[in-house]
Amino acid sequence: MWLRHSTERKQLRLILPGLALVVAGCASTGPTSPATERGGSSAAAGVEIPPHAQTMYEQAVAVMASGDFLDAELRLKEFLLQFPGYPGAHVNLAIIHVNNEDDAAARASIDAALAINPDYVPALNQMGMLLRRNGKFLEAEAAYLKAVTANPDYALAHYNLGVLNELYLQRLDVALQHFERYQVIVGDDKQVGKWISDLTRRVAANQRTANVAE
């Protein structure tokens, strides 16, 4: 019974954030020139993306959000043929490839985004998720930490650092810190609040045990 509960809780932690579509840079509501995306510049600096391209991208994201990944993939690839310097489109392609269980294609899309902007936090977060799924926990941690260094308010990377440290690296105190940071950024997430309460008790218990051992 305990094992089944633990497994279910682990699965819930991994799927809670849902499908993290990259709607735009890190702060805007639609595609912009890559040079204006928060976190760095690109080889396409100064190139304006016209309104019709913004519409193309928003439609691709809407189709992706509806669950039609095949159509979304075609739309994103068409967008990138015209505007290859937009890292958000590469990241969304990576999400589609992951859904199709094609890790090699996902890695190629993430690498393409990071080639445009090495500090692009959605790409770093997706890189961490891909590495974690392949058992490369310390490399995943490095990717997530780079994301929160580039943008300390990027909630998903803090969430994923919480998951990684609790379930895979067994660093409960570090996991607690990142879940608390996630909670501050996103507001009152009741499920994560329960995890924070649970971790707080476990960290305190471990500290009491350590004190007795001394």
C-alpha atoms as a PDB file:
ATOM      1  CA  MET A   1       0.000   0.000   0.000  1.00  0.00           C
ATOM      2  CA  TRP A   2       2.773   2.446   0.950  1.00  0.00           C
ATOM      3  CA  LEU A   3       4.698   1.634  -2.227  1.00  0.00           C
ATOM      4  CA  ARG A   4       1.632   2.269  -4.403  1.00  0.00           C
ATOM      5  CA  HIS A   5       0.972   5.597  -2.643  1.00  0.00           C
ATOM      6  CA  SER A   6       4.606   6.622  -3.054  1.00  0.00           C
ATOM      7  CA  THR A   7       4.564   5.774  -6.755  1.00  0.00           C
ATOM      8  CA  GLU A   8       1.339   7.693  -7.349  1.00  0.00           C
ATOM      9  CA  ARG A   9       2.754  10.729  -5.530  1.00  0.00           C
ATOM     10  CA  LYS A  10       5.914  10.563  -7.620  1.00  0.00           C
ATOM     11  CA  GLN A  11       3.912  10.446 -10.842  1.00  0.00           C
ATOM     12  CA  LEU A  12       1.793  13.406  -9.729  1.00  0.00           C
ATOM     13  CA  ARG A  13       4.894  15.480  -9.020  1.00  0.00           C
ATOM     14  CA  LEU A  14       6.191  14.809 -12.518  1.00  0.00           C
ATOM     15  CA  ILE A  15       3.022  15.720 -14.410  1.00  0.00           C
ATOM     16  CA  LEU A  16       1.681  18.597 -12.318  1.00  0.00           C
ATOM     17  CA  PRO A  17       2.991  21.529 -14.418  1.00  0.00           C
ATOM     18  CA  GLY A  18       1.292  20.151 -17.521  1.00  0.00           C
ATOM     19  CA  LEU A  19       2.191  21.124 -21.051  1.00  0.00           C
ATOM     20  CA  ALA A  20       4.503  24.138 -20.761  1.00  0.00           C
ATOM     21  CA  LEU A  21       3.952  25.732 -24.135  1.00  0.00           C
ATOM     22  CA  VAL A  22       6.323  28.542 -25.006  1.00  0.00           C
ATOM     23  CA  VAL A  23       3.882  31.197 -26.094  1.00  0.00           C
ATOM     24  CA  ALA A  24       6.571  33.815 -26.585  1.00  0.00           C
ATOM     25  CA  GLY A  25       9.936  34.963 -25.269  1.00  0.00           C
ATOM     26  CA  CYS A  26       9.787  34.870 -21.493  1.00  0.00           C
ATOM     27  CA  ALA A  27       7.517  37.758 -20.803  1.00  0.00           C
ATOM     28  CA  SER A  28       5.660  38.900 -23.922  1.00  0.00           C
ATOM     29  CA  THR A  29       2.375  37.594 -25.312  1.00  0.00           C
ATOM     30  CA  GLY A  30       3.466  36.730 -28.839  1.00  0.00           C
ATOM     31  CA  PRO A  31       6.491  36.164 -31.023  1.00  0.00           C
ATOM     32  CA  THR A  32       8.949  39.017 -31.147  1.00  0.00           C
ATOM     33  CA  SER A  33      12.310  39.589 -32.690  1.00  0.00           C
ATOM     34  CA  PRO A  34      14.705  37.072 -31.080  1.00  0.00           C
ATOM     35  CA  ALA A  35      16.823  40.042 -30.075  1.00  0.00           C
ATOM     36  CA  THR A  36      14.075  41.269 -27.764  1.00  0.00           C
ATOM     37  CA  GLU A  37      13.603  37.997 -25.906  1.00  0.00           C
ATOM     38  CA  ARG A  38      14.594  38.186 -22.276  1.00  0.00           C
ATOM     39  CA  GLY A  39      17.897  36.542 -21.494  1.00  0.00           C
ATOM     40  CA  GLY A  40      20.128  37.426 -24.403  1.00  0.00           C
ATOM     41  CA  SER A  41      20.493  38.205 -28.067  1.00  0.00           C
ATOM     42  CA  SER A  42      20.739  36.102 -31.199  1.00  0.00           C
ATOM     43  CA  ALA A  43      22.192  35.980 -34.650  1.00  0.00           C
ATOM     44  CA  ALA A  44      18.955  37.469 -35.918  1.00  0.00           C
ATOM     45  CA  ALA A  45      19.275  40.596 -33.782  1.00  0.00           C
ATOM     46  CA  GLY A  46      17.450  43.557 -35.254  1.00  0.00           C
ATOM     47  CA  VAL A  47      15.208  41.480 -37.526  1.00  0.00           C
ATOM     48  CA  GLU A  48      11.570  42.404 -37.029  1.00  0.00           C
ATOM     49  CA  ILE A  49       8.950  39.658 -37.117  1.00  0.00           C
ATOM     50  CA  PRO A  50       5.913  41.057 -38.954  1.00  0.00           C
ATOM     51  CA  PRO A  51       2.362  40.783 -37.596  1.00  0.00           C
ATOM     52  CA  HIS A  52       1.406  37.927 -39.921  1.00  0.00           C
ATOM     53  CA  ALA A  53       4.264  35.864 -38.464  1.00  0.00           C
ATOM     54  CA  GLN A  54       3.030  36.531 -34.962  1.00  0.00           C
ATOM     55  CA  THR A  55      -0.356  35.245 -36.074  1.00  0.00           C
ATOM     56  CA  MET A  56       1.290  32.137 -37.555  1.00  0.00           C
ATOM     57  CA  TYR A  57       3.036  31.406 -34.296  1.00  0.00           C
ATOM     58  CA  GLU A  58       0.029  32.027 -32.079  1.00  0.00           C
ATOM     59  CA  GLN A  59      -2.056  29.711 -34.257  1.00  0.00           C
ATOM     60  CA  ALA A  60       0.591  26.986 -34.002  1.00  0.00           C
ATOM     61  CA  VAL A  61       0.639  27.295 -30.208  1.00  0.00           C
ATOM     62  CA  ALA A  62      -3.180  27.209 -30.068  1.00  0.00           C
ATOM     63  CA  VAL A  63      -3.264  24.044 -32.185  1.00  0.00           C
ATOM     64  CA  MET A  64      -0.601  22.503 -29.960  1.00  0.00           C
ATOM     65  CA  ALA A  65      -2.568  23.373 -26.831  1.00  0.00           C
ATOM     66  CA  SER A  66      -5.607  21.633 -28.334  1.00  0.00           C
ATOM     67  CA  GLY A  67      -3.602  18.409 -28.549  1.00  0.00           C
ATOM     68  CA  ASP A  68      -3.177  18.246 -32.332  1.00  0.00           C
ATOM     69  CA  PHE A  69       0.581  17.811 -32.244  1.00  0.00           C
ATOM     70  CA  LEU A  70       0.896  16.701 -35.862  1.00  0.00           C
ATOM     71  CA  ASP A  71      -0.654  19.904 -37.216  1.00  0.00           C
ATOM     72  CA  ALA A  72       1.241  21.993 -34.658  1.00  0.00           C
ATOM     73  CA  GLU A  73       4.544  20.438 -35.717  1.00  0.00           C
ATOM     74  CA  LEU A  74       3.887  21.288 -39.367  1.00  0.00           C
ATOM     75  CA  ARG A  75       2.940  24.860 -38.444  1.00  0.00           C
ATOM     76  CA  LEU A  76       6.016  25.355 -36.266  1.00  0.00           C
ATOM     77  CA  LYS A  77       8.324  23.997 -38.952  1.00  0.00           C
ATOM     78  CA  GLU A  78       6.737  26.319 -41.504  1.00  0.00           C
ATOM     79  CA  PHE A  79       7.257  29.222 -39.102  1.00  0.00           C
ATOM     80  CA  LEU A  80      10.925  28.282 -38.576  1.00  0.00           C
ATOM     81  CA  LEU A  81      11.557  28.116 -42.316  1.00  0.00           C
ATOM     82  CA  GLN A  82      10.796  31.828 -42.412  1.00  0.00           C
ATOM     83  CA  PHE A  83      12.053  32.802 -38.952  1.00  0.00           C
ATOM     84  CA  PRO A  84      14.726  30.301 -37.840  1.00  0.00           C
ATOM     85  CA  GLY A  85      16.055  32.617 -35.139  1.00  0.00           C
ATOM     86  CA  TYR A  86      13.097  32.276 -32.775  1.00  0.00           C
ATOM     87  CA  PRO A  87      14.019  29.849 -29.942  1.00  0.00           C
ATOM     88  CA  GLY A  88      10.478  29.473 -28.569  1.00  0.00           C
ATOM     89  CA  ALA A  89       9.398  27.624 -31.702  1.00  0.00           C
ATOM     90  CA  HIS A  90      12.302  25.189 -31.320  1.00  0.00           C
ATOM     91  CA  VAL A  91      11.335  24.529 -27.700  1.00  0.00           C
ATOM     92  CA  ASN A  92       7.728  23.799 -28.629  1.00  0.00           C
ATOM     93  CA  LEU A  93       8.964  21.379 -31.283  1.00  0.00           C
ATOM     94  CA  ALA A  94      11.037  19.706 -28.572  1.00  0.00           C
ATOM     95  CA  ILE A  95       7.899  19.272 -26.453  1.00  0.00           C
ATOM     96  CA  ILE A  96       6.144  17.654 -29.420  1.00  0.00           C
ATOM     97  CA  HIS A  97       9.086  15.313 -30.025  1.00  0.00           C
ATOM     98  CA  VAL A  98       9.067  14.292 -26.364  1.00  0.00           C
ATOM     99  CA  ASN A  99       5.361  13.526 -26.650  1.00  0.00           C
ATOM    100  CA  ASN A 100       6.233  11.330 -29.645  1.00  0.00           C
ATOM    101  CA  GLU A 101       8.981   9.645 -27.569  1.00  0.00           C
ATOM    102  CA  ASP A 102      11.673  10.859 -29.959  1.00  0.00           C
ATOM    103  CA  ASP A 103      14.389  11.997 -27.561  1.00  0.00           C
ATOM    104  CA  ALA A 104      16.972  12.489 -30.297  1.00  0.00           C
ATOM    105  CA  ALA A 105      14.751  14.952 -32.179  1.00  0.00           C
ATOM    106  CA  ALA A 106      13.849  16.667 -28.905  1.00  0.00           C
ATOM    107  CA  ARG A 107      17.522  17.140 -28.066  1.00  0.00           C
ATOM    108  CA  ALA A 108      18.200  18.544 -31.533  1.00  0.00           C
ATOM    109  CA  SER A 109      15.405  21.108 -31.134  1.00  0.00           C
ATOM    110  CA  ILE A 110      16.604  22.115 -27.663  1.00  0.00           C
ATOM    111  CA  ASP A 111      20.153  22.466 -28.965  1.00  0.00           C
ATOM    112  CA  ALA A 112      18.857  24.654 -31.797  1.00  0.00           C
ATOM    113  CA  ALA A 113      17.139  26.959 -29.296  1.00  0.00           C
ATOM    114  CA  LEU A 114      20.253  27.172 -27.120  1.00  0.00           C
ATOM    115  CA  ALA A 115      22.429  27.875 -30.158  1.00  0.00           C
ATOM    116  CA  ILE A 116      20.320  31.004 -30.682  1.00  0.00           C
ATOM    117  CA  ASN A 117      20.356  31.964 -27.004  1.00  0.00           C
ATOM    118  CA  PRO A 118      22.410  29.913 -24.500  1.00  0.00           C
ATOM    119  CA  ASP A 119      20.469  31.472 -21.598  1.00  0.00           C
ATOM    120  CA  TYR A 120      16.974  30.841 -22.971  1.00  0.00           C
ATOM    121  CA  VAL A 121      15.285  29.495 -19.869  1.00  0.00           C
ATOM    122  CA  PRO A 122      12.457  27.439 -21.454  1.00  0.00           C
ATOM    123  CA  ALA A 123      15.101  25.548 -23.447  1.00  0.00           C
ATOM    124  CA  LEU A 124      17.260  25.014 -20.362  1.00  0.00           C
ATOM    125  CA  ASN A 125      14.238  23.728 -18.474  1.00  0.00           C
ATOM    126  CA  GLN A 126      13.347  21.318 -21.288  1.00  0.00           C
ATOM    127  CA  MET A 127      16.980  20.176 -21.404  1.00  0.00           C
ATOM    128  CA  GLY A 128      16.822  19.402 -17.696  1.00  0.00           C
ATOM    129  CA  MET A 129      13.612  17.414 -18.147  1.00  0.00           C
ATOM    130  CA  LEU A 130      15.096  15.421 -21.012  1.00  0.00           C
ATOM    131  CA  LEU A 131      18.275  14.663 -19.053  1.00  0.00           C
ATOM    132  CA  ARG A 132      16.289  13.652 -15.978  1.00  0.00           C
ATOM    133  CA  ARG A 133      14.168  11.226 -17.990  1.00  0.00           C
ATOM    134  CA  ASN A 134      17.374   9.620 -19.235  1.00  0.00           C
ATOM    135  CA  GLY A 135      18.775   9.202 -15.731  1.00  0.00           C
ATOM    136  CA  LYS A 136      21.357  11.988 -15.986  1.00  0.00           C
ATOM    137  CA  PHE A 137      20.335  13.626 -12.730  1.00  0.00           C
ATOM    138  CA  LEU A 138      23.356  15.825 -12.051  1.00  0.00           C
ATOM    139  CA  GLU A 139      23.390  17.106 -15.628  1.00  0.00           C
ATOM    140  CA  ALA A 140      19.675  17.812 -15.319  1.00  0.00           C
ATOM    141  CA  GLU A 141      20.324  19.743 -12.123  1.00  0.00           C
ATOM    142  CA  ALA A 142      22.965  21.836 -13.890  1.00  0.00           C
ATOM    143  CA  ALA A 143      20.505  22.737 -16.659  1.00  0.00           C
ATOM    144  CA  TYR A 144      17.775  23.722 -14.195  1.00  0.00           C
ATOM    145  CA  LEU A 145      20.222  25.760 -12.107  1.00  0.00           C
ATOM    146  CA  LYS A 146      21.383  27.601 -15.200  1.00  0.00           C
ATOM    147  CA  ALA A 147      17.737  28.411 -15.947  1.00  0.00           C
ATOM    148  CA  VAL A 148      17.058  29.880 -12.496  1.00  0.00           C
ATOM    149  CA  THR A 149      20.346  31.754 -12.634  1.00  0.00           C
ATOM    150  CA  ALA A 150      19.315  33.356 -15.925  1.00  0.00           C
ATOM    151  CA  ASN A 151      15.818  34.059 -14.558  1.00  0.00           C
ATOM    152  CA  PRO A 152      15.314  33.521 -10.797  1.00  0.00           C
ATOM    153  CA  ASP A 153      11.538  33.848 -11.248  1.00  0.00           C
ATOM    154  CA  TYR A 154      11.170  31.002 -13.753  1.00  0.00           C
ATOM    155  CA  ALA A 155       8.762  28.877 -11.731  1.00  0.00           C
ATOM    156  CA  LEU A 156       8.899  25.627 -13.707  1.00  0.00           C
ATOM    157  CA  ALA A 157      12.649  25.234 -13.202  1.00  0.00           C
ATOM    158  CA  HIS A 158      12.218  25.662  -9.433  1.00  0.00           C
ATOM    159  CA  TYR A 159       9.416  23.095  -9.516  1.00  0.00           C
ATOM    160  CA  ASN A 160      11.595  20.652 -11.445  1.00  0.00           C
ATOM    161  CA  LEU A 161      14.519  21.229  -9.076  1.00  0.00           C
ATOM    162  CA  GLY A 162      12.166  20.369  -6.234  1.00  0.00           C
ATOM    163  CA  VAL A 163      11.126  17.135  -7.939  1.00  0.00           C
ATOM    164  CA  LEU A 164      14.698  16.220  -8.837  1.00  0.00           C
ATOM    165  CA  ASN A 165      16.088  16.837  -5.363  1.00  0.00           C
ATOM    166  CA  GLU A 166      13.273  15.082  -3.514  1.00  0.00           C
ATOM    167  CA  LEU A 167      12.676  12.025  -5.675  1.00  0.00           C
ATOM    168  CA  TYR A 168      16.033  11.386  -7.328  1.00  0.00           C
ATOM    169  CA  LEU A 169      18.844  13.064  -5.383  1.00  0.00           C
ATOM    170  CA  GLN A 170      17.274  12.626  -1.926  1.00  0.00           C
ATOM    171  CA  ARG A 171      18.149  16.181  -0.876  1.00  0.00           C
ATOM    172  CA  LEU A 172      15.000  17.011   1.011  1.00  0.00           C
ATOM    173  CA  ASP A 173      16.153  20.384   2.328  1.00  0.00           C
ATOM    174  CA  VAL A 174      17.101  21.579  -1.160  1.00  0.00           C
ATOM    175  CA  ALA A 175      13.823  20.270  -2.595  1.00  0.00           C
ATOM    176  CA  LEU A 176      11.939  22.188   0.086  1.00  0.00           C
ATOM    177  CA  GLN A 177      13.721  25.424  -0.821  1.00  0.00           C
ATOM    178  CA  HIS A 178      12.793  25.125  -4.489  1.00  0.00           C
ATOM    179  CA  PHE A 179       9.168  24.153  -3.858  1.00  0.00           C
ATOM    180  CA  GLU A 180       8.874  27.143  -1.532  1.00  0.00           C
ATOM    181  CA  ARG A 181      10.330  29.402  -4.194  1.00  0.00           C
ATOM    182  CA  TYR A 182       7.920  27.965  -6.772  1.00  0.00           C
ATOM    183  CA  GLN A 183       5.031  28.650  -4.404  1.00  0.00           C
ATOM    184  CA  VAL A 184       6.112  32.265  -3.929  1.00  0.00           C
ATOM    185  CA  ILE A 185       6.270  32.821  -7.698  1.00  0.00           C
ATOM    186  CA  VAL A 186       3.009  31.151  -8.733  1.00  0.00           C
ATOM    187  CA  GLY A 187       0.909  31.936  -5.680  1.00  0.00           C
ATOM    188  CA  ASP A 188      -1.153  29.485  -3.655  1.00  0.00           C
ATOM    189  CA  ASP A 189      -0.739  26.053  -5.250  1.00  0.00           C
ATOM    190  CA  LYS A 190      -2.598  23.781  -2.847  1.00  0.00           C
ATOM    191  CA  GLN A 191      -0.958  20.556  -4.016  1.00  0.00           C
ATOM    192  CA  VAL A 192       2.556  21.955  -3.766  1.00  0.00           C
ATOM    193  CA  GLY A 193       1.569  23.427  -0.404  1.00  0.00           C
ATOM    194  CA  LYS A 194       0.862  19.885   0.834  1.00  0.00           C
ATOM    195  CA  TRP A 195       4.248  18.737  -0.415  1.00  0.00           C
ATOM    196  CA  ILE A 196       5.929  21.646   1.367  1.00  0.00           C
ATOM    197  CA  SER A 197       4.221  20.677   4.636  1.00  0.00           C
ATOM    198  CA  ASP A 198       5.288  17.054   4.167  1.00  0.00           C
ATOM    199  CA  LEU A 199       8.881  17.992   3.368  1.00  0.00           C
ATOM    200  CA  THR A 200       9.054  20.408   6.287  1.00  0.00           C
ATOM    201  CA  ARG A 201       8.134  17.572   8.676  1.00  0.00           C
ATOM    202  CA  ARG A 202      10.603  15.170   7.064  1.00  0.00           C
ATOM    203  CA  VAL A 203      13.470  17.673   7.104  1.00  0.00           C
ATOM    204  CA  ALA A 204      12.787  18.445  10.765  1.00  0.00           C
ATOM    205  CA  ALA A 205      12.691  14.724  11.597  1.00  0.00           C
ATOM    206  CA  ASN A 206      15.998  14.158   9.837  1.00  0.00           C
ATOM    207  CA  GLN A 207      17.529  17.050  11.744  1.00  0.00           C
ATOM    208  CA  ARG A 208      16.331  15.641  15.071  1.00  0.00           C
ATOM    209  CA  THR A 209      17.804  12.259  14.142  1.00  0.00           C
ATOM    210  CA  ALA A 210      21.097  13.890  13.228  1.00  0.00           C
ATOM    211  CA  ASN A 211      21.187  15.772  16.531  1.00  0.00           C
ATOM    212  CA  VAL A 212      20.592  12.582  18.514  1.00  0.00           C
ATOM    213  CA  ALA A 213      23.347  10.814  16.564  1.00  0.00           C
ATOM    214  CA  GLU A 214      25.792  13.540  17.550  1.00  0.00           C
END
